[in-house]
Amino acid sequence: YQASQQLHEETNLPTVICVYSPVDPISVIKQHQ
């Protein structure tokens, strides 16, 4: 779920993806790069 309404793509700001106690952290890394 997304916490902020806008991803600020026009300002080129980084996006933080937060993952808690992942079952498969490697697949998360491969998905989001």
PDB file of all heavy atoms in Angstrom:
ATOM      1  N   TYR A   1       0.842  -1.181   0.000  1.00  0.00           N
ATOM      2  CA  TYR A   1       0.000   0.000   0.000  1.00  0.00           C
ATOM      3  C   TYR A   1       0.876   1.229   0.000  1.00  0.00           C
ATOM      4  O   TYR A   1       1.976   1.231   0.551  1.00  0.00           O
ATOM      5  CB  TYR A   1      -0.968   0.033   1.186  1.00  0.00           C
ATOM      6  CG  TYR A   1      -0.320   0.154   2.533  1.00  0.00           C
ATOM      7  CD1 TYR A   1      -0.087   1.402   3.112  1.00  0.00           C
ATOM      8  CD2 TYR A   1       0.057  -0.976   3.250  1.00  0.00           C
ATOM      9  CE1 TYR A   1       0.493   1.515   4.355  1.00  0.00           C
ATOM     10  CE2 TYR A   1       0.643  -0.873   4.492  1.00  0.00           C
ATOM     11  CZ  TYR A   1       0.855   0.366   5.036  1.00  0.00           C
ATOM     12  OH  TYR A   1       1.441   0.472   6.262  1.00  0.00           O
ATOM     13  N   GLN A   2       0.406   2.265  -0.616  1.00  0.00           N
ATOM     14  CA  GLN A   2       1.184   3.492  -0.798  1.00  0.00           C
ATOM     15  C   GLN A   2       0.818   4.504   0.271  1.00  0.00           C
ATOM     16  O   GLN A   2      -0.354   4.770   0.511  1.00  0.00           O
ATOM     17  CB  GLN A   2       0.915   4.079  -2.183  1.00  0.00           C
ATOM     18  CG  GLN A   2       1.742   5.290  -2.512  1.00  0.00           C
ATOM     19  CD  GLN A   2       1.516   5.744  -3.941  1.00  0.00           C
ATOM     20  OE1 GLN A   2       1.552   4.955  -4.860  1.00  0.00           O
ATOM     21  NE2 GLN A   2       1.250   7.015  -4.108  1.00  0.00           N
ATOM     22  N   ALA A   3       1.832   5.055   0.929  1.00  0.00           N
ATOM     23  CA  ALA A   3       1.577   5.982   2.034  1.00  0.00           C
ATOM     24  C   ALA A   3       1.400   7.415   1.569  1.00  0.00           C
ATOM     25  O   ALA A   3       0.742   8.201   2.234  1.00  0.00           O
ATOM     26  CB  ALA A   3       2.704   5.912   3.057  1.00  0.00           C
ATOM     27  N   SER A   4       2.004   7.769   0.456  1.00  0.00           N
ATOM     28  CA  SER A   4       1.884   9.136  -0.026  1.00  0.00           C
ATOM     29  C   SER A   4       1.053   9.160  -1.294  1.00  0.00           C
ATOM     30  O   SER A   4       1.031   8.213  -2.073  1.00  0.00           O
ATOM     31  CB  SER A   4       3.274   9.731  -0.292  1.00  0.00           C
ATOM     32  OG  SER A   4       3.995   8.901  -1.173  1.00  0.00           O
ATOM     33  N   GLN A   5       0.374  10.264  -1.519  1.00  0.00           N
ATOM     34  CA  GLN A   5      -0.546  10.368  -2.641  1.00  0.00           C
ATOM     35  C   GLN A   5       0.173  10.626  -3.952  1.00  0.00           C
ATOM     36  O   GLN A   5      -0.320  10.306  -5.007  1.00  0.00           O
ATOM     37  CB  GLN A   5      -1.560  11.489  -2.380  1.00  0.00           C
ATOM     38  CG  GLN A   5      -2.432  11.226  -1.170  1.00  0.00           C
ATOM     39  CD  GLN A   5      -3.275   9.980  -1.335  1.00  0.00           C
ATOM     40  OE1 GLN A   5      -3.784   9.690  -2.405  1.00  0.00           O
ATOM     41  NE2 GLN A   5      -3.419   9.233  -0.248  1.00  0.00           N
ATOM     42  N   GLN A   6       1.360  11.208  -3.880  1.00  0.00           N
ATOM     43  CA  GLN A   6       2.078  11.579  -5.084  1.00  0.00           C
ATOM     44  C   GLN A   6       3.529  11.151  -4.961  1.00  0.00           C
ATOM     45  O   GLN A   6       4.147  11.294  -3.919  1.00  0.00           O
ATOM     46  CB  GLN A   6       2.012  13.107  -5.310  1.00  0.00           C
ATOM     47  CG  GLN A   6       2.656  13.558  -6.614  1.00  0.00           C
ATOM     48  CD  GLN A   6       2.571  15.076  -6.770  1.00  0.00           C
ATOM     49  OE1 GLN A   6       2.103  15.753  -5.869  1.00  0.00           O
ATOM     50  NE2 GLN A   6       3.020  15.572  -7.895  1.00  0.00           N
ATOM     51  N   LEU A   7       4.079  10.595  -6.030  1.00  0.00           N
ATOM     52  CA  LEU A   7       5.431  10.070  -5.988  1.00  0.00           C
ATOM     53  C   LEU A   7       6.483  11.091  -6.397  1.00  0.00           C
ATOM     54  O   LEU A   7       7.643  10.772  -6.541  1.00  0.00           O
ATOM     55  CB  LEU A   7       5.538   8.835  -6.894  1.00  0.00           C
ATOM     56  CG  LEU A   7       4.750   7.617  -6.396  1.00  0.00           C
ATOM     57  CD1 LEU A   7       4.978   6.437  -7.325  1.00  0.00           C
ATOM     58  CD2 LEU A   7       5.132   7.242  -4.985  1.00  0.00           C
ATOM     59  N   HIS A   8       6.093  12.327  -6.632  1.00  0.00           N
ATOM     60  CA  HIS A   8       7.029  13.415  -6.905  1.00  0.00           C
ATOM     61  C   HIS A   8       7.981  13.068  -8.052  1.00  0.00           C
ATOM     62  O   HIS A   8       9.178  13.355  -8.008  1.00  0.00           O
ATOM     63  CB  HIS A   8       7.861  13.748  -5.662  1.00  0.00           C
ATOM     64  CG  HIS A   8       7.031  14.155  -4.481  1.00  0.00           C
ATOM     65  ND1 HIS A   8       6.466  15.399  -4.379  1.00  0.00           N
ATOM     66  CD2 HIS A   8       6.659  13.480  -3.373  1.00  0.00           C
ATOM     67  CE1 HIS A   8       5.786  15.474  -3.233  1.00  0.00           C
ATOM     68  NE2 HIS A   8       5.885  14.321  -2.615  1.00  0.00           N
ATOM     69  N   GLU A   9       7.474  12.432  -9.094  1.00  0.00           N
ATOM     70  CA  GLU A   9       8.335  12.037 -10.204  1.00  0.00           C
ATOM     71  C   GLU A   9       8.948  13.251 -10.904  1.00  0.00           C
ATOM     72  O   GLU A   9      10.051  13.190 -11.427  1.00  0.00           O
ATOM     73  CB  GLU A   9       7.537  11.194 -11.197  1.00  0.00           C
ATOM     74  CG  GLU A   9       7.073   9.858 -10.596  1.00  0.00           C
ATOM     75  CD  GLU A   9       6.276   9.052 -11.599  1.00  0.00           C
ATOM     76  OE1 GLU A   9       6.032   9.586 -12.710  1.00  0.00           O
ATOM     77  OE2 GLU A   9       5.893   7.924 -11.281  1.00  0.00           O
ATOM     78  N   GLU A  10       8.229  14.362 -10.874  1.00  0.00           N
ATOM     79  CA  GLU A  10       8.748  15.526 -11.581  1.00  0.00           C
ATOM     80  C   GLU A  10       9.950  16.128 -10.881  1.00  0.00           C
ATOM     81  O   GLU A  10      10.743  16.840 -11.482  1.00  0.00           O
ATOM     82  CB  GLU A  10       7.637  16.585 -11.718  1.00  0.00           C
ATOM     83  CG  GLU A  10       7.193  17.244 -10.407  1.00  0.00           C
ATOM     84  CD  GLU A  10       6.199  16.403  -9.622  1.00  0.00           C
ATOM     85  OE1 GLU A  10       5.912  15.281 -10.074  1.00  0.00           O
ATOM     86  OE2 GLU A  10       5.711  16.870  -8.571  1.00  0.00           O
ATOM     87  N   THR A  11      10.145  15.880  -9.591  1.00  0.00           N
ATOM     88  CA  THR A  11      11.292  16.422  -8.859  1.00  0.00           C
ATOM     89  C   THR A  11      12.442  15.428  -8.763  1.00  0.00           C
ATOM     90  O   THR A  11      13.483  15.751  -8.223  1.00  0.00           O
ATOM     91  CB  THR A  11      10.867  16.825  -7.436  1.00  0.00           C
ATOM     92  OG1 THR A  11      10.371  15.666  -6.755  1.00  0.00           O
ATOM     93  CG2 THR A  11       9.792  17.891  -7.472  1.00  0.00           C
ATOM     94  N   ASN A  12      12.229  14.221  -9.261  1.00  0.00           N
ATOM     95  CA  ASN A  12      13.278  13.209  -9.288  1.00  0.00           C
ATOM     96  C   ASN A  12      13.713  12.790  -7.885  1.00  0.00           C
ATOM     97  O   ASN A  12      14.853  12.344  -7.676  1.00  0.00           O
ATOM     98  CB  ASN A  12      14.497  13.705 -10.076  1.00  0.00           C
ATOM     99  CG  ASN A  12      15.282  12.564 -10.694  1.00  0.00           C
ATOM    100  OD1 ASN A  12      14.734  11.494 -10.941  1.00  0.00           O
ATOM    101  ND2 ASN A  12      16.553  12.789 -10.951  1.00  0.00           N
ATOM    102  N   LEU A  13      12.828  12.952  -6.901  1.00  0.00           N
ATOM    103  CA  LEU A  13      13.156  12.545  -5.541  1.00  0.00           C
ATOM    104  C   LEU A  13      13.083  11.026  -5.424  1.00  0.00           C
ATOM    105  O   LEU A  13      12.251  10.380  -6.072  1.00  0.00           O
ATOM    106  CB  LEU A  13      12.185  13.185  -4.549  1.00  0.00           C
ATOM    107  CG  LEU A  13      12.392  14.666  -4.264  1.00  0.00           C
ATOM    108  CD1 LEU A  13      11.256  15.209  -3.417  1.00  0.00           C
ATOM    109  CD2 LEU A  13      13.724  14.895  -3.554  1.00  0.00           C
ATOM    110  N   PRO A  14      13.948  10.434  -4.601  1.00  0.00           N
ATOM    111  CA  PRO A  14      13.925   8.977  -4.438  1.00  0.00           C
ATOM    112  C   PRO A  14      12.668   8.514  -3.703  1.00  0.00           C
ATOM    113  O   PRO A  14      12.101   9.241  -2.889  1.00  0.00           O
ATOM    114  CB  PRO A  14      15.182   8.692  -3.620  1.00  0.00           C
ATOM    115  CG  PRO A  14      15.478   9.976  -2.909  1.00  0.00           C
ATOM    116  CD  PRO A  14      15.029  11.067  -3.827  1.00  0.00           C
ATOM    117  N   THR A  15      12.255   7.308  -4.008  1.00  0.00           N
ATOM    118  CA  THR A  15      11.123   6.673  -3.350  1.00  0.00           C
ATOM    119  C   THR A  15      11.631   5.610  -2.390  1.00  0.00           C
ATOM    120  O   THR A  15      12.534   4.839  -2.720  1.00  0.00           O
ATOM    121  CB  THR A  15      10.180   6.026  -4.378  1.00  0.00           C
ATOM    122  OG1 THR A  15       9.675   7.035  -5.254  1.00  0.00           O
ATOM    123  CG2 THR A  15       9.015   5.332  -3.691  1.00  0.00           C
ATOM    124  N   VAL A  16      11.071   5.581  -1.186  1.00  0.00           N
ATOM    125  CA  VAL A  16      11.456   4.597  -0.177  1.00  0.00           C
ATOM    126  C   VAL A  16      10.412   3.487  -0.148  1.00  0.00           C
ATOM    127  O   VAL A  16       9.227   3.747   0.082  1.00  0.00           O
ATOM    128  CB  VAL A  16      11.572   5.242   1.216  1.00  0.00           C
ATOM    129  CG1 VAL A  16      12.003   4.201   2.241  1.00  0.00           C
ATOM    130  CG2 VAL A  16      12.553   6.405   1.193  1.00  0.00           C
ATOM    131  N   ILE A  17      10.834   2.270  -0.388  1.00  0.00           N
ATOM    132  CA  ILE A  17       9.951   1.109  -0.313  1.00  0.00           C
ATOM    133  C   ILE A  17      10.292   0.348   0.959  1.00  0.00           C
ATOM    134  O   ILE A  17      11.414  -0.139   1.132  1.00  0.00           O
ATOM    135  CB  ILE A  17      10.112   0.201  -1.550  1.00  0.00           C
ATOM    136  CG1 ILE A  17       9.762   0.989  -2.817  1.00  0.00           C
ATOM    137  CG2 ILE A  17       9.235  -1.041  -1.431  1.00  0.00           C
ATOM    138  CD1 ILE A  17       9.930   0.198  -4.090  1.00  0.00           C
ATOM    139  N   CYS A  18       9.352   0.275   1.863  1.00  0.00           N
ATOM    140  CA  CYS A  18       9.573  -0.318   3.181  1.00  0.00           C
ATOM    141  C   CYS A  18       9.005  -1.736   3.213  1.00  0.00           C
ATOM    142  O   CYS A  18       7.851  -1.958   2.847  1.00  0.00           O
ATOM    143  CB  CYS A  18       8.915   0.524   4.270  1.00  0.00           C
ATOM    144  SG  CYS A  18       9.359   2.276   4.195  1.00  0.00           S
ATOM    145  N   VAL A  19       9.828  -2.670   3.647  1.00  0.00           N
ATOM    146  CA  VAL A  19       9.438  -4.076   3.708  1.00  0.00           C
ATOM    147  C   VAL A  19       9.714  -4.580   5.119  1.00  0.00           C
ATOM    148  O   VAL A  19      10.815  -4.404   5.643  1.00  0.00           O
ATOM    149  CB  VAL A  19      10.215  -4.927   2.685  1.00  0.00           C
ATOM    150  CG1 VAL A  19       9.692  -6.357   2.670  1.00  0.00           C
ATOM    151  CG2 VAL A  19      10.126  -4.315   1.292  1.00  0.00           C
ATOM    152  N   TYR A  20       8.702  -5.221   5.727  1.00  0.00           N
ATOM    153  CA  TYR A  20       8.837  -5.690   7.101  1.00  0.00           C
ATOM    154  C   TYR A  20       8.884  -7.215   7.137  1.00  0.00           C
ATOM    155  O   TYR A  20       8.010  -7.884   6.575  1.00  0.00           O
ATOM    156  CB  TYR A  20       7.671  -5.195   7.956  1.00  0.00           C
ATOM    157  CG  TYR A  20       7.413  -3.725   7.802  1.00  0.00           C
ATOM    158  CD1 TYR A  20       6.217  -3.265   7.262  1.00  0.00           C
ATOM    159  CD2 TYR A  20       8.370  -2.793   8.178  1.00  0.00           C
ATOM    160  CE1 TYR A  20       5.985  -1.912   7.108  1.00  0.00           C
ATOM    161  CE2 TYR A  20       8.137  -1.439   8.021  1.00  0.00           C
ATOM    162  CZ  TYR A  20       6.945  -1.009   7.489  1.00  0.00           C
ATOM    163  OH  TYR A  20       6.715   0.338   7.324  1.00  0.00           O
ATOM    164  N   SER A  21       9.918  -7.761   7.778  1.00  0.00           N
ATOM    165  CA  SER A  21      10.062  -9.204   7.960  1.00  0.00           C
ATOM    166  C   SER A  21       9.724  -9.967   6.683  1.00  0.00           C
ATOM    167  O   SER A  21       8.764 -10.743   6.633  1.00  0.00           O
ATOM    168  CB  SER A  21       9.161  -9.675   9.110  1.00  0.00           C
ATOM    169  OG  SER A  21       9.508  -9.026  10.305  1.00  0.00           O
ATOM    170  N   PRO A  22      10.485  -9.778   5.618  1.00  0.00           N
ATOM    171  CA  PRO A  22      10.144 -10.392   4.332  1.00  0.00           C
ATOM    172  C   PRO A  22      10.311 -11.911   4.350  1.00  0.00           C
ATOM    173  O   PRO A  22      11.217 -12.439   4.999  1.00  0.00           O
ATOM    174  CB  PRO A  22      11.143  -9.748   3.370  1.00  0.00           C
ATOM    175  CG  PRO A  22      12.324  -9.422   4.241  1.00  0.00           C
ATOM    176  CD  PRO A  22      11.742  -9.026   5.572  1.00  0.00           C
ATOM    177  N   VAL A  23       9.430 -12.606   3.649  1.00  0.00           N
ATOM    178  CA  VAL A  23       9.553 -14.050   3.501  1.00  0.00           C
ATOM    179  C   VAL A  23      10.664 -14.379   2.515  1.00  0.00           C
ATOM    180  O   VAL A  23      11.457 -15.293   2.734  1.00  0.00           O
ATOM    181  CB  VAL A  23       8.215 -14.655   3.028  1.00  0.00           C
ATOM    182  CG1 VAL A  23       8.366 -16.158   2.773  1.00  0.00           C
ATOM    183  CG2 VAL A  23       7.110 -14.398   4.043  1.00  0.00           C
ATOM    184  N   ASP A  24      10.737 -13.620   1.433  1.00  0.00           N
ATOM    185  CA  ASP A  24      11.737 -13.840   0.388  1.00  0.00           C
ATOM    186  C   ASP A  24      12.351 -12.490   0.005  1.00  0.00           C
ATOM    187  O   ASP A  24      11.911 -11.847  -0.944  1.00  0.00           O
ATOM    188  CB  ASP A  24      11.096 -14.509  -0.826  1.00  0.00           C
ATOM    189  CG  ASP A  24      12.123 -14.907  -1.885  1.00  0.00           C
ATOM    190  OD1 ASP A  24      13.324 -14.659  -1.664  1.00  0.00           O
ATOM    191  OD2 ASP A  24      11.716 -15.462  -2.922  1.00  0.00           O
ATOM    192  N   PRO A  25      13.378 -12.035   0.726  1.00  0.00           N
ATOM    193  CA  PRO A  25      13.956 -10.707   0.449  1.00  0.00           C
ATOM    194  C   PRO A  25      14.610 -10.619  -0.921  1.00  0.00           C
ATOM    195  O   PRO A  25      14.649  -9.546  -1.526  1.00  0.00           O
ATOM    196  CB  PRO A  25      14.980 -10.527   1.571  1.00  0.00           C
ATOM    197  CG  PRO A  25      15.325 -11.914   2.010  1.00  0.00           C
ATOM    198  CD  PRO A  25      14.073 -12.706   1.840  1.00  0.00           C
ATOM    199  N   ILE A  26      15.127 -11.728  -1.425  1.00  0.00           N
ATOM    200  CA  ILE A  26      15.810 -11.697  -2.719  1.00  0.00           C
ATOM    201  C   ILE A  26      14.829 -11.378  -3.835  1.00  0.00           C
ATOM    202  O   ILE A  26      15.132 -10.581  -4.742  1.00  0.00           O
ATOM    203  CB  ILE A  26      16.521 -13.038  -2.977  1.00  0.00           C
ATOM    204  CG1 ILE A  26      17.620 -13.246  -1.936  1.00  0.00           C
ATOM    205  CG2 ILE A  26      17.105 -13.080  -4.389  1.00  0.00           C
ATOM    206  CD1 ILE A  26      18.358 -14.556  -2.071  1.00  0.00           C
ATOM    207  N   SER A  27      13.647 -11.956  -3.786  1.00  0.00           N
ATOM    208  CA  SER A  27      12.649 -11.657  -4.818  1.00  0.00           C
ATOM    209  C   SER A  27      12.209 -10.201  -4.758  1.00  0.00           C
ATOM    210  O   SER A  27      11.915  -9.587  -5.789  1.00  0.00           O
ATOM    211  CB  SER A  27      11.431 -12.577  -4.658  1.00  0.00           C
ATOM    212  OG  SER A  27      10.769 -12.331  -3.429  1.00  0.00           O
ATOM    213  N   VAL A  28      12.178  -9.634  -3.543  1.00  0.00           N
ATOM    214  CA  VAL A  28      11.828  -8.215  -3.397  1.00  0.00           C
ATOM    215  C   VAL A  28      12.885  -7.333  -4.054  1.00  0.00           C
ATOM    216  O   VAL A  28      12.573  -6.369  -4.752  1.00  0.00           O
ATOM    217  CB  VAL A  28      11.668  -7.850  -1.903  1.00  0.00           C
ATOM    218  CG1 VAL A  28      11.404  -6.356  -1.738  1.00  0.00           C
ATOM    219  CG2 VAL A  28      10.545  -8.650  -1.267  1.00  0.00           C
ATOM    220  N   ILE A  29      14.144  -7.675  -3.847  1.00  0.00           N
ATOM    221  CA  ILE A  29      15.235  -6.897  -4.456  1.00  0.00           C
ATOM    222  C   ILE A  29      15.191  -7.003  -5.977  1.00  0.00           C
ATOM    223  O   ILE A  29      15.326  -6.004  -6.693  1.00  0.00           O
ATOM    224  CB  ILE A  29      16.597  -7.377  -3.924  1.00  0.00           C
ATOM    225  CG1 ILE A  29      16.691  -7.155  -2.414  1.00  0.00           C
ATOM    226  CG2 ILE A  29      17.738  -6.641  -4.630  1.00  0.00           C
ATOM    227  CD1 ILE A  29      17.954  -7.713  -1.796  1.00  0.00           C
ATOM    228  N   LYS A  30      14.977  -8.208  -6.481  1.00  0.00           N
ATOM    229  CA  LYS A  30      14.924  -8.400  -7.930  1.00  0.00           C
ATOM    230  C   LYS A  30      13.745  -7.652  -8.548  1.00  0.00           C
ATOM    231  O   LYS A  30      13.842  -7.123  -9.662  1.00  0.00           O
ATOM    232  CB  LYS A  30      14.814  -9.889  -8.254  1.00  0.00           C
ATOM    233  CG  LYS A  30      16.083 -10.678  -7.953  1.00  0.00           C
ATOM    234  CD  LYS A  30      15.907 -12.138  -8.330  1.00  0.00           C
ATOM    235  CE  LYS A  30      17.183 -12.931  -8.095  1.00  0.00           C
ATOM    236  NZ  LYS A  30      17.013 -14.373  -8.431  1.00  0.00           N
ATOM    237  N   GLN A  31      12.640  -7.591  -7.819  1.00  0.00           N
ATOM    238  CA  GLN A  31      11.464  -6.911  -8.353  1.00  0.00           C
ATOM    239  C   GLN A  31      11.655  -5.401  -8.416  1.00  0.00           C
ATOM    240  O   GLN A  31      11.335  -4.761  -9.416  1.00  0.00           O
ATOM    241  CB  GLN A  31      10.230  -7.241  -7.499  1.00  0.00           C
ATOM    242  CG  GLN A  31       8.975  -6.483  -7.922  1.00  0.00           C
ATOM    243  CD  GLN A  31       7.812  -6.736  -6.980  1.00  0.00           C
ATOM    244  OE1 GLN A  31       7.890  -7.574  -6.081  1.00  0.00           O
ATOM    245  NE2 GLN A  31       6.734  -6.007  -7.176  1.00  0.00           N
ATOM    246  N   HIS A  32      12.203  -4.810  -7.351  1.00  0.00           N
ATOM    247  CA  HIS A  32      12.275  -3.349  -7.267  1.00  0.00           C
ATOM    248  C   HIS A  32      13.606  -2.777  -7.745  1.00  0.00           C
ATOM    249  O   HIS A  32      13.690  -1.587  -8.051  1.00  0.00           O
ATOM    250  CB  HIS A  32      12.007  -2.905  -5.830  1.00  0.00           C
ATOM    251  CG  HIS A  32      10.626  -3.245  -5.345  1.00  0.00           C
ATOM    252  ND1 HIS A  32       9.501  -2.606  -5.798  1.00  0.00           N
ATOM    253  CD2 HIS A  32      10.203  -4.175  -4.442  1.00  0.00           C
ATOM    254  CE1 HIS A  32       8.434  -3.104  -5.197  1.00  0.00           C
ATOM    255  NE2 HIS A  32       8.835  -4.063  -4.371  1.00  0.00           N
ATOM    256  N   GLN A  33      14.664  -3.584  -7.760  1.00  0.00           N
ATOM    257  CA  GLN A  33      15.978  -3.135  -8.235  1.00  0.00           C
ATOM    258  C   GLN A  33      16.395  -1.805  -7.593  1.00  0.00           C
ATOM    259  O   GLN A  33      16.526  -0.780  -8.250  1.00  0.00           O
ATOM    260  CB  GLN A  33      15.960  -2.997  -9.758  1.00  0.00           C
ATOM    261  CG  GLN A  33      15.690  -4.298 -10.487  1.00  0.00           C
ATOM    262  CD  GLN A  33      15.694  -4.146 -11.989  1.00  0.00           C
ATOM    263  OE1 GLN A  33      15.414  -3.070 -12.520  1.00  0.00           O
ATOM    264  NE2 GLN A  33      15.995  -5.201 -12.702  1.00  0.00           N
TER     265      GLN A  33
END
